[in-house]
Protein backbone atom coordinates (compact mmCIF):
# COMPACT_ATOMS: atom_id res chain seq x y z
CA MET A 1 15.42 -12.58 -32.00
CA THR A 2 13.82 -13.31 -28.61
CA THR A 3 10.19 -12.55 -27.76
CA ALA A 4 11.27 -9.64 -25.55
CA GLN A 5 13.33 -8.16 -28.39
CA GLN A 6 10.38 -8.57 -30.77
CA LYS A 7 8.10 -6.72 -28.34
CA ILE A 8 10.60 -3.89 -27.96
CA ALA A 9 11.01 -3.61 -31.74
CA ALA A 10 7.22 -3.55 -32.23
CA ALA A 11 6.81 -0.87 -29.54
CA VAL A 12 9.57 1.32 -31.00
CA LEU A 13 8.18 0.93 -34.54
CA PHE A 14 4.69 1.91 -33.36
CA LEU A 15 6.06 4.94 -31.49
CA ARG A 16 8.04 6.12 -34.53
CA GLU A 17 4.90 6.01 -36.70
CA TYR A 18 2.44 7.33 -34.11
CA LYS A 19 0.80 10.63 -35.14
CA GLY A 20 -1.99 10.87 -32.54
CA ASP A 21 -2.34 13.17 -29.55
CA PHE A 22 -2.26 10.74 -26.60
CA GLU A 23 0.18 12.39 -24.16
CA PHE A 24 1.61 9.12 -22.81
CA LEU A 25 2.62 8.03 -26.31
CA LYS A 26 4.03 11.49 -27.11
CA ASP A 27 6.17 11.25 -23.97
CA MET A 28 7.33 7.78 -24.97
CA GLN A 29 8.25 9.12 -28.44
CA LYS A 30 10.50 11.69 -26.75
CA THR A 31 12.01 8.96 -24.58
CA ILE A 32 13.01 6.74 -27.50
CA ALA A 33 14.36 9.75 -29.42
CA SER A 34 17.02 10.24 -26.72
CA PRO A 35 20.40 8.64 -27.49
CA GLY A 36 20.89 5.44 -25.52
CA ALA A 37 17.31 5.43 -24.25
CA THR A 38 15.77 2.16 -23.10
CA LEU A 39 12.23 1.13 -22.28
CA THR A 40 11.26 -0.90 -19.25
CA GLU A 41 9.21 -4.05 -19.69
CA ARG A 42 6.22 -2.24 -18.17
CA GLN A 43 6.57 0.65 -20.64
CA VAL A 44 6.83 -1.74 -23.59
CA GLU A 45 3.66 -3.57 -22.49
CA ALA A 46 1.80 -0.26 -22.07
CA VAL A 47 2.85 0.92 -25.54
CA LEU A 48 1.81 -2.39 -27.11
CA ARG A 49 -1.61 -2.20 -25.41
CA CYS A 50 -2.03 1.32 -26.82
CA ALA A 51 -0.97 0.08 -30.25
CA ALA A 52 -3.56 -2.73 -30.14
CA ARG A 53 -6.26 -0.25 -29.06
CA GLU A 54 -5.35 2.21 -31.83
CA LYS A 55 -5.46 -0.58 -34.41
CA ARG A 56 -8.84 -1.83 -33.19
CA ILE A 57 -10.34 1.69 -33.11
CA ALA A 58 -8.95 2.49 -36.59
CA GLY A 59 -10.67 -0.68 -37.83
CA GLY A 60 -14.03 0.56 -36.51
CA GLY A 61 -13.95 -1.37 -33.23
CA SER A 62 -14.21 -0.07 -29.71
CA PRO A 63 -11.94 -0.46 -26.67
CA SER A 64 -12.51 -3.67 -24.69
CA SER A 65 -12.90 -4.03 -20.93
CA GLU A 66 -9.39 -5.51 -20.87
CA GLU A 67 -8.06 -2.04 -21.68
CA VAL A 68 -9.43 -0.56 -18.47
CA GLU A 69 -6.28 0.24 -16.52
CA PRO A 70 -6.01 0.20 -12.72
CA GLY A 71 -7.22 3.50 -11.32
CA VAL A 72 -10.33 5.36 -10.24
CA TYR A 73 -13.38 5.66 -12.50
CA GLN A 74 -16.66 7.50 -12.24
CA ILE A 75 -19.86 6.45 -13.99
CA ASP A 76 -23.42 7.54 -13.27
CA GLY A 77 -22.32 9.20 -10.01
CA ASP A 78 -20.72 6.00 -8.68
CA VAL A 79 -16.99 5.76 -8.01
CA TYR A 80 -15.07 2.56 -8.78
CA LYS A 81 -11.48 1.56 -8.22
CA VAL A 82 -10.03 -0.94 -10.70
CA LYS A 83 -7.22 -3.10 -9.39
CA PHE A 84 -5.37 -6.33 -10.11
CA ASN A 85 -5.99 -9.57 -8.25
CA ARG A 86 -3.17 -10.94 -6.08
CA GLU A 87 -1.68 -12.95 -8.93
CA ARG A 88 -1.86 -9.88 -11.21
CA THR A 89 -3.59 -12.00 -13.87
CA ARG A 90 -7.00 -10.27 -13.92
CA LYS A 91 -8.53 -6.95 -13.01
CA TYR A 92 -11.65 -6.31 -10.97
CA ALA A 93 -13.58 -3.30 -9.70
CA VAL A 94 -14.55 -2.23 -6.21
CA LYS A 95 -17.23 0.38 -5.59
CA LEU A 96 -17.01 3.24 -3.11
CA VAL A 97 -19.97 2.90 -0.73
CA TYR A 98 -21.03 4.75 2.37
CA ILE A 99 -21.55 2.58 5.43
CA ASP A 100 -23.85 3.06 8.42
CA SER A 101 -20.97 3.34 10.87
CA GLU A 102 -17.35 4.38 10.66
CA ARG A 103 -14.38 2.15 10.08
CA LEU A 104 -10.66 2.62 10.55
CA ASN A 105 -8.55 3.02 7.45
CA GLU A 106 -4.83 2.20 7.04
CA GLU A 107 -3.85 5.41 8.87
CA ASP A 108 -6.14 4.71 11.86
CA GLU A 109 -8.54 7.44 10.75
CA ARG A 110 -12.29 6.94 11.05
CA VAL A 111 -14.07 7.12 7.70
CA PRO A 112 -17.77 6.58 6.84
CA TRP A 113 -17.03 4.77 3.56
CA GLU A 114 -15.20 1.80 2.13
CA PHE A 115 -14.56 0.08 -1.18
CA GLN A 116 -16.61 -3.09 -1.68
CA TYR A 117 -16.26 -5.66 -4.45
CA ALA A 118 -18.70 -4.94 -7.29
CA PRO A 119 -19.32 -8.14 -9.31
CA GLY A 120 -19.40 -7.45 -13.06
CA ALA A 121 -18.64 -3.73 -12.72
CA ILE A 122 -15.34 -4.12 -14.59
CA TYR A 123 -17.31 -4.95 -17.75
CA LYS A 124 -19.32 -1.71 -17.78
CA LEU A 125 -16.31 0.58 -17.19
CA LYS A 126 -14.57 2.10 -20.19
CA PRO A 127 -11.35 4.12 -20.48
CA GLU A 128 -13.36 7.32 -20.97
CA HIS A 129 -14.93 6.85 -17.51
CA ARG A 130 -11.55 7.40 -15.85
CA MET A 131 -11.57 10.50 -13.67
CA ASP A 132 -10.57 13.76 -15.32
CA GLU A 133 -8.37 16.38 -13.67
CA GLU A 134 -11.19 18.36 -12.03
CA SER A 135 -12.90 15.23 -10.69
CA ALA A 136 -9.56 13.95 -9.40
CA LYS A 137 -9.01 17.17 -7.43
CA THR A 138 -12.48 17.00 -5.89
CA PHE A 139 -12.07 13.30 -5.14
CA GLY A 140 -8.60 13.77 -3.66
CA LEU A 141 -9.80 16.49 -1.30
CA LYS A 142 -12.86 14.52 -0.23
CA TYR A 143 -11.34 11.05 0.20
CA GLY A 144 -7.55 11.49 0.11
CA ILE A 145 -7.16 8.77 -2.54
CA CYS A 146 -5.09 8.91 -5.75
CA ALA A 147 -7.32 9.12 -8.85
CA SER A 148 -4.78 7.11 -10.83
CA CYS A 149 -3.92 4.11 -8.68
CA GLY A 150 -6.39 4.41 -5.79
CA LYS A 151 -3.76 4.46 -3.04
CA ARG A 152 -4.05 6.67 0.03
CA LEU A 153 -2.53 10.16 -0.35
CA LYS A 154 -0.63 11.64 2.58
CA VAL A 155 1.11 14.81 1.33
CA ALA A 156 -1.11 17.92 1.19
CA GLU A 157 0.00 18.86 -2.34
CA SER A 158 -0.91 15.37 -3.61
CA VAL A 159 -4.30 15.49 -1.87
CA GLU A 160 -5.08 18.87 -3.45
CA ARG A 161 -4.02 17.59 -6.86
CA GLY A 162 -5.90 14.29 -6.42
CA ILE A 163 -2.95 12.27 -7.66
CA GLY A 164 0.22 11.03 -6.00
CA PRO A 165 3.83 11.95 -6.84
CA VAL A 166 4.63 8.66 -8.58
CA CYS A 167 1.41 8.55 -10.64
CA ILE A 168 1.69 12.17 -11.77
CA LYS A 169 4.78 11.18 -13.79
CA TRP A 170 2.81 8.63 -15.82
CA PHE A 171 -0.81 9.71 -15.72
CA ARG A 172 -1.94 12.53 -17.96
CA PHE A 173 -5.40 14.05 -17.82
């Protein structure tokens, strides 16, 4: 059996035995219950990360900073966006800061804020600091940025919701 097949088998086994209430895993349980269903490599990796977290928490441990997924987080009134580096080997955090002047964003709009690299911030963020539904709505209306991935929102419905059309399929509040 190849490594990929082993990962898939481990993910499916975990999903079959999972009894918790995490919506993503419940959705994945429904997916694998469908005849002929397959999981993408990304889905398998996400399920295995959840399985490792559940095992660590059940053993009395706590989630590590490695489990902080890309997205928008709020802690002590500060807003951070977690993203991957170019090589997609590590994650880092950028902080939303107001600037003295205005700058142009990707859509040639003038905005009085920008995200700046925040050294060490990734280590103080935890999964529970991720924006909830109400915060995402407020954030989306104010900044027009997806609370899940941090990308710019363009469609009015997405801005009001605070999350984009692709992310809404995967991200559950």
